[in-house]
Amino acid sequence: MIKLKAVESKGGYRLLLRFSDGTAGVYDFASFVEAATEMTAPLADPAFFARYFIELGALAWPNGFDLSAESLRR
């Protein structure tokens, strides 16, 4: 199972994601912000977006929104 190992901000809604299998890539989360669902609307606030963290190998935010490493890697 692939896990997220490190995250680094690249400005705006872009994050550099590093995975347990050695792969890495920049993911643009603008589409999540634009969707403005109950879970993604808080991401529009840059201060909230910057509060991302890794939880059990997934990317997560304090409001409970999370994305598995496997879905991000695709």
PDB file of N, CA and C in Angstrom:
ATOM      1  N   MET A   1       0.834  -1.179   0.000  1.00  0.00           N
ATOM      2  CA  MET A   1       0.000   0.000   0.000  1.00  0.00           C
ATOM      3  C   MET A   1       0.886   1.252   0.000  1.00  0.00           C
ATOM      4  N   ILE A   2       0.627   2.138  -0.914  1.00  0.00           N
ATOM      5  CA  ILE A   2       1.393   3.379  -1.027  1.00  0.00           C
ATOM      6  C   ILE A   2       0.883   4.384   0.003  1.00  0.00           C
ATOM      7  N   LYS A   3       1.823   5.073   0.640  1.00  0.00           N
ATOM      8  CA  LYS A   3       1.468   6.098   1.625  1.00  0.00           C
ATOM      9  C   LYS A   3       2.129   7.418   1.259  1.00  0.00           C
ATOM     10  N   LEU A   4       1.520   8.476   1.700  1.00  0.00           N
ATOM     11  CA  LEU A   4       2.090   9.802   1.549  1.00  0.00           C
ATOM     12  C   LEU A   4       3.149   9.982   2.624  1.00  0.00           C
ATOM     13  N   LYS A   5       4.349  10.409   2.220  1.00  0.00           N
ATOM     14  CA  LYS A   5       5.453  10.544   3.163  1.00  0.00           C
ATOM     15  C   LYS A   5       5.799  11.994   3.475  1.00  0.00           C
ATOM     16  N   ALA A   6       5.594  12.916   2.520  1.00  0.00           N
ATOM     17  CA  ALA A   6       5.948  14.316   2.743  1.00  0.00           C
ATOM     18  C   ALA A   6       5.106  15.210   1.846  1.00  0.00           C
ATOM     19  N   VAL A   7       4.861  16.417   2.326  1.00  0.00           N
ATOM     20  CA  VAL A   7       4.078  17.409   1.586  1.00  0.00           C
ATOM     21  C   VAL A   7       4.801  18.751   1.700  1.00  0.00           C
ATOM     22  N   GLU A   8       4.857  19.468   0.581  1.00  0.00           N
ATOM     23  CA  GLU A   8       5.518  20.770   0.550  1.00  0.00           C
ATOM     24  C   GLU A   8       4.692  21.730  -0.299  1.00  0.00           C
ATOM     25  N   SER A   9       4.427  22.902   0.234  1.00  0.00           N
ATOM     26  CA  SER A   9       3.662  23.906  -0.502  1.00  0.00           C
ATOM     27  C   SER A   9       4.455  24.415  -1.700  1.00  0.00           C
ATOM     28  N   LYS A  10       3.758  24.578  -2.811  1.00  0.00           N
ATOM     29  CA  LYS A  10       4.362  25.133  -4.024  1.00  0.00           C
ATOM     30  C   LYS A  10       3.627  26.394  -4.469  1.00  0.00           C
ATOM     31  N   GLY A  11       2.891  26.999  -3.564  1.00  0.00           N
ATOM     32  CA  GLY A  11       2.183  28.240  -3.863  1.00  0.00           C
ATOM     33  C   GLY A  11       0.766  27.984  -4.349  1.00  0.00           C
ATOM     34  N   GLY A  12      -0.103  28.912  -4.061  1.00  0.00           N
ATOM     35  CA  GLY A  12      -1.500  28.758  -4.440  1.00  0.00           C
ATOM     36  C   GLY A  12      -2.077  27.513  -3.799  1.00  0.00           C
ATOM     37  N   TYR A  13      -2.759  26.718  -4.597  1.00  0.00           N
ATOM     38  CA  TYR A  13      -3.343  25.476  -4.108  1.00  0.00           C
ATOM     39  C   TYR A  13      -2.551  24.261  -4.584  1.00  0.00           C
ATOM     40  N   ARG A  14      -1.274  24.470  -4.860  1.00  0.00           N
ATOM     41  CA  ARG A  14      -0.422  23.383  -5.352  1.00  0.00           C
ATOM     42  C   ARG A  14       0.464  22.848  -4.226  1.00  0.00           C
ATOM     43  N   LEU A  15       0.530  21.526  -4.147  1.00  0.00           N
ATOM     44  CA  LEU A  15       1.373  20.866  -3.155  1.00  0.00           C
ATOM     45  C   LEU A  15       2.248  19.826  -3.837  1.00  0.00           C
ATOM     46  N   LEU A  16       3.508  19.774  -3.435  1.00  0.00           N
ATOM     47  CA  LEU A  16       4.406  18.717  -3.880  1.00  0.00           C
ATOM     48  C   LEU A  16       4.196  17.541  -2.936  1.00  0.00           C
ATOM     49  N   LEU A  17       3.810  16.409  -3.494  1.00  0.00           N
ATOM     50  CA  LEU A  17       3.523  15.204  -2.713  1.00  0.00           C
ATOM     51  C   LEU A  17       4.611  14.170  -2.969  1.00  0.00           C
ATOM     52  N   ARG A  18       5.145  13.595  -1.896  1.00  0.00           N
ATOM     53  CA  ARG A  18       6.152  12.539  -1.998  1.00  0.00           C
ATOM     54  C   ARG A  18       5.568  11.264  -1.390  1.00  0.00           C
ATOM     55  N   PHE A  19       5.688  10.168  -2.153  1.00  0.00           N
ATOM     56  CA  PHE A  19       5.060   8.914  -1.766  1.00  0.00           C
ATOM     57  C   PHE A  19       6.081   7.869  -1.319  1.00  0.00           C
ATOM     58  N   SER A  20       5.593   6.857  -0.617  1.00  0.00           N
ATOM     59  CA  SER A  20       6.459   5.813  -0.052  1.00  0.00           C
ATOM     60  C   SER A  20       7.176   4.979  -1.108  1.00  0.00           C
ATOM     61  N   ASP A  21       6.699   4.984  -2.340  1.00  0.00           N
ATOM     62  CA  ASP A  21       7.364   4.205  -3.393  1.00  0.00           C
ATOM     63  C   ASP A  21       8.441   5.015  -4.120  1.00  0.00           C
ATOM     64  N   GLY A  22       8.730   6.227  -3.617  1.00  0.00           N
ATOM     65  CA  GLY A  22       9.771   7.059  -4.199  1.00  0.00           C
ATOM     66  C   GLY A  22       9.289   8.028  -5.257  1.00  0.00           C
ATOM     67  N   THR A  23       8.041   7.940  -5.672  1.00  0.00           N
ATOM     68  CA  THR A  23       7.512   8.873  -6.664  1.00  0.00           C
ATOM     69  C   THR A  23       7.115  10.179  -5.988  1.00  0.00           C
ATOM     70  N   ALA A  24       7.030  11.234  -6.798  1.00  0.00           N
ATOM     71  CA  ALA A  24       6.637  12.553  -6.304  1.00  0.00           C
ATOM     72  C   ALA A  24       5.997  13.326  -7.443  1.00  0.00           C
ATOM     73  N   GLY A  25       5.188  14.282  -7.097  1.00  0.00           N
ATOM     74  CA  GLY A  25       4.572  15.116  -8.113  1.00  0.00           C
ATOM     75  C   GLY A  25       3.833  16.276  -7.475  1.00  0.00           C
ATOM     76  N   VAL A  26       3.589  17.297  -8.277  1.00  0.00           N
ATOM     77  CA  VAL A  26       2.845  18.466  -7.811  1.00  0.00           C
ATOM     78  C   VAL A  26       1.379  18.265  -8.162  1.00  0.00           C
ATOM     79  N   TYR A  27       0.510  18.436  -7.181  1.00  0.00           N
ATOM     80  CA  TYR A  27      -0.931  18.279  -7.354  1.00  0.00           C
ATOM     81  C   TYR A  27      -1.570  19.637  -7.136  1.00  0.00           C
ATOM     82  N   ASP A  28      -2.414  20.045  -8.050  1.00  0.00           N
ATOM     83  CA  ASP A  28      -3.121  21.325  -7.947  1.00  0.00           C
ATOM     84  C   ASP A  28      -4.523  21.054  -7.400  1.00  0.00           C
ATOM     85  N   PHE A  29      -4.812  21.592  -6.235  1.00  0.00           N
ATOM     86  CA  PHE A  29      -6.092  21.370  -5.563  1.00  0.00           C
ATOM     87  C   PHE A  29      -7.142  22.408  -5.919  1.00  0.00           C
ATOM     88  N   ALA A  30      -6.901  23.235  -6.926  1.00  0.00           N
ATOM     89  CA  ALA A  30      -7.850  24.285  -7.321  1.00  0.00           C
ATOM     90  C   ALA A  30      -9.225  23.713  -7.648  1.00  0.00           C
ATOM     91  N   SER A  31      -9.285  22.544  -8.271  1.00  0.00           N
ATOM     92  CA  SER A  31     -10.586  21.973  -8.632  1.00  0.00           C
ATOM     93  C   SER A  31     -11.397  21.614  -7.382  1.00  0.00           C
ATOM     94  N   PHE A  32     -10.731  21.194  -6.316  1.00  0.00           N
ATOM     95  CA  PHE A  32     -11.429  20.920  -5.057  1.00  0.00           C
ATOM     96  C   PHE A  32     -11.977  22.210  -4.463  1.00  0.00           C
ATOM     97  N   VAL A  33     -11.178  23.260  -4.507  1.00  0.00           N
ATOM     98  CA  VAL A  33     -11.598  24.559  -3.968  1.00  0.00           C
ATOM     99  C   VAL A  33     -12.783  25.088  -4.764  1.00  0.00           C
ATOM    100  N   GLU A  34     -12.708  24.995  -6.077  1.00  0.00           N
ATOM    101  CA  GLU A  34     -13.786  25.486  -6.946  1.00  0.00           C
ATOM    102  C   GLU A  34     -15.079  24.701  -6.761  1.00  0.00           C
ATOM    103  N   ALA A  35     -14.982  23.431  -6.405  1.00  0.00           N
ATOM    104  CA  ALA A  35     -16.180  22.612  -6.185  1.00  0.00           C
ATOM    105  C   ALA A  35     -17.002  23.143  -5.012  1.00  0.00           C
ATOM    106  N   ALA A  36     -16.344  23.723  -4.034  1.00  0.00           N
ATOM    107  CA  ALA A  36     -16.984  24.362  -2.877  1.00  0.00           C
ATOM    108  C   ALA A  36     -18.050  23.486  -2.220  1.00  0.00           C
ATOM    109  N   THR A  37     -17.716  22.215  -2.020  1.00  0.00           N
ATOM    110  CA  THR A  37     -18.623  21.334  -1.292  1.00  0.00           C
ATOM    111  C   THR A  37     -18.492  21.635   0.204  1.00  0.00           C
ATOM    112  N   GLU A  38     -19.306  20.993   0.996  1.00  0.00           N
ATOM    113  CA  GLU A  38     -19.251  21.214   2.440  1.00  0.00           C
ATOM    114  C   GLU A  38     -17.845  20.950   2.990  1.00  0.00           C
ATOM    115  N   MET A  39     -17.188  19.929   2.475  1.00  0.00           N
ATOM    116  CA  MET A  39     -15.858  19.562   2.974  1.00  0.00           C
ATOM    117  C   MET A  39     -14.732  20.368   2.332  1.00  0.00           C
ATOM    118  N   THR A  40     -14.909  20.817   1.082  1.00  0.00           N
ATOM    119  CA  THR A  40     -13.807  21.503   0.399  1.00  0.00           C
ATOM    120  C   THR A  40     -13.892  23.022   0.464  1.00  0.00           C
ATOM    121  N   ALA A  41     -15.043  23.582   0.779  1.00  0.00           N
ATOM    122  CA  ALA A  41     -15.183  25.043   0.838  1.00  0.00           C
ATOM    123  C   ALA A  41     -14.168  25.694   1.786  1.00  0.00           C
ATOM    124  N   PRO A  42     -13.868  25.103   2.948  1.00  0.00           N
ATOM    125  CA  PRO A  42     -12.880  25.733   3.835  1.00  0.00           C
ATOM    126  C   PRO A  42     -11.482  25.857   3.217  1.00  0.00           C
ATOM    127  N   LEU A  43     -11.179  25.015   2.223  1.00  0.00           N
ATOM    128  CA  LEU A  43      -9.860  25.065   1.591  1.00  0.00           C
ATOM    129  C   LEU A  43      -9.631  26.367   0.833  1.00  0.00           C
ATOM    130  N   ALA A  44     -10.683  27.105   0.528  1.00  0.00           N
ATOM    131  CA  ALA A  44     -10.552  28.371  -0.197  1.00  0.00           C
ATOM    132  C   ALA A  44      -9.812  29.419   0.630  1.00  0.00           C
ATOM    133  N   ASP A  45      -9.838  29.269   1.942  1.00  0.00           N
ATOM    134  CA  ASP A  45      -9.099  30.176   2.823  1.00  0.00           C
ATOM    135  C   ASP A  45      -7.638  29.725   2.837  1.00  0.00           C
ATOM    136  N   PRO A  46      -6.715  30.533   2.319  1.00  0.00           N
ATOM    137  CA  PRO A  46      -5.310  30.116   2.250  1.00  0.00           C
ATOM    138  C   PRO A  46      -4.735  29.687   3.602  1.00  0.00           C
ATOM    139  N   ALA A  47      -5.151  30.335   4.683  1.00  0.00           N
ATOM    140  CA  ALA A  47      -4.649  29.960   6.008  1.00  0.00           C
ATOM    141  C   ALA A  47      -5.124  28.560   6.390  1.00  0.00           C
ATOM    142  N   PHE A  48      -6.372  28.227   6.037  1.00  0.00           N
ATOM    143  CA  PHE A  48      -6.882  26.890   6.326  1.00  0.00           C
ATOM    144  C   PHE A  48      -6.222  25.866   5.410  1.00  0.00           C
ATOM    145  N   PHE A  49      -6.096  26.183   4.132  1.00  0.00           N
ATOM    146  CA  PHE A  49      -5.464  25.257   3.188  1.00  0.00           C
ATOM    147  C   PHE A  49      -4.067  24.875   3.676  1.00  0.00           C
ATOM    148  N   ALA A  50      -3.346  25.838   4.226  1.00  0.00           N
ATOM    149  CA  ALA A  50      -1.966  25.616   4.688  1.00  0.00           C
ATOM    150  C   ALA A  50      -1.883  24.720   5.920  1.00  0.00           C
ATOM    151  N   ARG A  51      -3.009  24.355   6.491  1.00  0.00           N
ATOM    152  CA  ARG A  51      -3.020  23.512   7.688  1.00  0.00           C
ATOM    153  C   ARG A  51      -3.077  22.016   7.350  1.00  0.00           C
ATOM    154  N   TYR A  52      -2.746  21.649   6.105  1.00  0.00           N
ATOM    155  CA  TYR A  52      -2.708  20.239   5.707  1.00  0.00           C
ATOM    156  C   TYR A  52      -1.729  19.465   6.584  1.00  0.00           C
ATOM    157  N   PHE A  53      -1.963  18.177   6.697  1.00  0.00           N
ATOM    158  CA  PHE A  53      -1.055  17.307   7.434  1.00  0.00           C
ATOM    159  C   PHE A  53      -1.219  15.885   6.908  1.00  0.00           C
ATOM    160  N   ILE A  54      -0.292  15.029   7.264  1.00  0.00           N
ATOM    161  CA  ILE A  54      -0.362  13.626   6.877  1.00  0.00           C
ATOM    162  C   ILE A  54      -0.915  12.838   8.055  1.00  0.00           C
ATOM    163  N   GLU A  55      -1.958  12.034   7.780  1.00  0.00           N
ATOM    164  CA  GLU A  55      -2.552  11.191   8.811  1.00  0.00           C
ATOM    165  C   GLU A  55      -2.699   9.780   8.255  1.00  0.00           C
ATOM    166  N   LEU A  56      -1.992   8.857   8.861  1.00  0.00           N
ATOM    167  CA  LEU A  56      -2.026   7.453   8.428  1.00  0.00           C
ATOM    168  C   LEU A  56      -1.733   7.301   6.941  1.00  0.00           C
ATOM    169  N   GLY A  57      -0.802   8.089   6.438  1.00  0.00           N
ATOM    170  CA  GLY A  57      -0.386   7.994   5.044  1.00  0.00           C
ATOM    171  C   GLY A  57      -1.269   8.716   4.057  1.00  0.00           C
ATOM    172  N   ALA A  58      -2.293   9.441   4.543  1.00  0.00           N
ATOM    173  CA  ALA A  58      -3.208  10.195   3.681  1.00  0.00           C
ATOM    174  C   ALA A  58      -3.017  11.695   3.924  1.00  0.00           C
ATOM    175  N   LEU A  59      -3.423  12.494   2.974  1.00  0.00           N
ATOM    176  CA  LEU A  59      -3.391  13.946   3.117  1.00  0.00           C
ATOM    177  C   LEU A  59      -4.690  14.379   3.784  1.00  0.00           C
ATOM    178  N   ALA A  60      -4.592  15.203   4.820  1.00  0.00           N
ATOM    179  CA  ALA A  60      -5.785  15.569   5.582  1.00  0.00           C
ATOM    180  C   ALA A  60      -5.757  17.040   5.991  1.00  0.00           C
ATOM    181  N   TRP A  61      -6.955  17.532   6.344  1.00  0.00           N
ATOM    182  CA  TRP A  61      -7.130  18.885   6.876  1.00  0.00           C
ATOM    183  C   TRP A  61      -7.922  18.787   8.175  1.00  0.00           C
ATOM    184  N   PRO A  62      -7.868  19.816   9.012  1.00  0.00           N
ATOM    185  CA  PRO A  62      -8.526  19.768  10.327  1.00  0.00           C
ATOM    186  C   PRO A  62     -10.042  19.553  10.303  1.00  0.00           C
ATOM    187  N   ASN A  63     -10.707  19.829   9.195  1.00  0.00           N
ATOM    188  CA  ASN A  63     -12.163  19.656   9.144  1.00  0.00           C
ATOM    189  C   ASN A  63     -12.577  18.210   8.837  1.00  0.00           C
ATOM    190  N   GLY A  64     -11.607  17.303   8.693  1.00  0.00           N
ATOM    191  CA  GLY A  64     -11.912  15.904   8.422  1.00  0.00           C
ATOM    192  C   GLY A  64     -11.815  15.517   6.957  1.00  0.00           C
ATOM    193  N   PHE A  65     -11.577  16.484   6.078  1.00  0.00           N
ATOM    194  CA  PHE A  65     -11.405  16.175   4.654  1.00  0.00           C
ATOM    195  C   PHE A  65     -10.058  15.497   4.471  1.00  0.00           C
ATOM    196  N   ASP A  66     -10.067  14.347   3.811  1.00  0.00           N
ATOM    197  CA  ASP A  66      -8.805  13.662   3.542  1.00  0.00           C
ATOM    198  C   ASP A  66      -8.858  12.965   2.193  1.00  0.00           C
ATOM    199  N   LEU A  67      -7.679  12.703   1.669  1.00  0.00           N
ATOM    200  CA  LEU A  67      -7.526  12.041   0.372  1.00  0.00           C
ATOM    201  C   LEU A  67      -6.455  10.968   0.522  1.00  0.00           C
ATOM    202  N   SER A  68      -6.769   9.770   0.077  1.00  0.00           N
ATOM    203  CA  SER A  68      -5.796   8.681   0.190  1.00  0.00           C
ATOM    204  C   SER A  68      -4.609   8.924  -0.738  1.00  0.00           C
ATOM    205  N   ALA A  69      -3.485   8.362  -0.348  1.00  0.00           N
ATOM    206  CA  ALA A  69      -2.283   8.483  -1.175  1.00  0.00           C
ATOM    207  C   ALA A  69      -2.495   7.850  -2.542  1.00  0.00           C
ATOM    208  N   GLU A  70      -3.206   6.750  -2.588  1.00  0.00           N
ATOM    209  CA  GLU A  70      -3.436   6.065  -3.853  1.00  0.00           C
ATOM    210  C   GLU A  70      -4.261   6.922  -4.813  1.00  0.00           C
ATOM    211  N   SER A  71      -5.265   7.607  -4.301  1.00  0.00           N
ATOM    212  CA  SER A  71      -6.079   8.459  -5.184  1.00  0.00           C
ATOM    213  C   SER A  71      -5.284   9.665  -5.659  1.00  0.00           C
ATOM    214  N   LEU A  72      -4.430  10.199  -4.810  1.00  0.00           N
ATOM    215  CA  LEU A  72      -3.603  11.339  -5.200  1.00  0.00           C
ATOM    216  C   LEU A  72      -2.540  10.935  -6.212  1.00  0.00           C
ATOM    217  N   ARG A  73      -1.999   9.760  -6.069  1.00  0.00           N
ATOM    218  CA  ARG A  73      -0.935   9.298  -6.963  1.00  0.00           C
ATOM    219  C   ARG A  73      -1.453   9.054  -8.375  1.00  0.00           C
ATOM    220  N   ARG A  74      -2.719   8.659  -8.512  1.00  0.00           N
ATOM    221  CA  ARG A  74      -3.295   8.428  -9.839  1.00  0.00           C
ATOM    222  C   ARG A  74      -3.283   9.708 -10.613  1.00  0.00           C
TER     223      ARG A  74
END
